[in-house]
């Protein structure tokens, strides 16, 4: 029974670390996508004469 509980705890720890990594990377992924979309917009949208 002790080995089974230890295995469950190990899986929970691994899943928690992976989930935390995904949440942390979400911010950087959003920034990268937004930057790329801004580059595309600047390339295709005509610039307004000021």
Protein backbone atom coordinates (compact mmCIF):
# COMPACT_ATOMS: atom_id res chain seq x y z
CA UNK A 1 0.00 0.00 0.00
CA UNK A 2 2.88 2.37 0.79
CA UNK A 3 4.45 1.92 -2.68
CA UNK A 4 1.12 2.64 -4.34
CA UNK A 5 0.70 5.86 -2.36
CA UNK A 6 4.27 6.88 -3.17
CA UNK A 7 3.65 6.29 -6.89
CA UNK A 8 0.47 8.38 -6.79
CA UNK A 9 2.32 11.23 -5.05
CA UNK A 10 5.11 11.08 -7.64
CA UNK A 11 2.59 11.29 -10.48
CA UNK A 12 0.84 14.23 -8.83
CA UNK A 13 4.16 16.06 -8.46
CA UNK A 14 5.09 15.44 -12.10
CA UNK A 15 1.68 16.59 -13.34
CA UNK A 16 1.90 19.71 -11.15
CA UNK A 17 5.34 20.62 -12.53
CA UNK A 18 4.16 20.14 -16.12
CA UNK A 19 1.03 22.22 -15.48
CA UNK A 20 3.10 25.02 -13.92
CA UNK A 21 5.45 25.01 -16.91
CA UNK A 22 2.52 25.25 -19.33
CA UNK A 23 1.03 28.18 -17.42
CA UNK A 24 4.40 29.95 -17.32
CA UNK A 25 4.98 29.47 -21.06
CA UNK A 26 1.51 30.75 -21.92
CA UNK A 27 2.58 34.38 -21.37
CA UNK A 28 5.63 34.06 -23.62
CA UNK A 29 3.63 32.26 -26.30
CA UNK A 30 1.00 35.02 -26.33
CA UNK A 31 3.69 37.69 -26.65
CA UNK A 32 5.33 35.86 -29.55
CA UNK A 33 2.04 35.43 -31.40
CA UNK A 34 1.05 39.06 -30.84
CA UNK A 35 4.44 40.28 -32.06
CA UNK A 36 4.19 38.17 -35.22
CA UNK A 37 0.65 39.39 -35.92
CA UNK A 38 1.82 42.98 -35.47
CA UNK A 39 4.63 42.37 -37.99
CA UNK A 40 2.13 40.98 -40.49
CA UNK A 41 -0.23 43.89 -39.91
CA UNK A 42 2.55 46.44 -40.45
CA UNK A 43 3.57 44.69 -43.67
CA UNK A 44 0.13 44.48 -45.27
CA UNK A 45 -1.79 47.46 -43.92
CA UNK A 46 -0.93 50.66 -45.77
CA UNK A 47 0.66 53.28 -43.59
CA UNK A 48 -1.39 56.39 -42.97
CA UNK A 49 0.34 59.57 -44.09
CA UNK A 50 0.77 61.87 -41.15
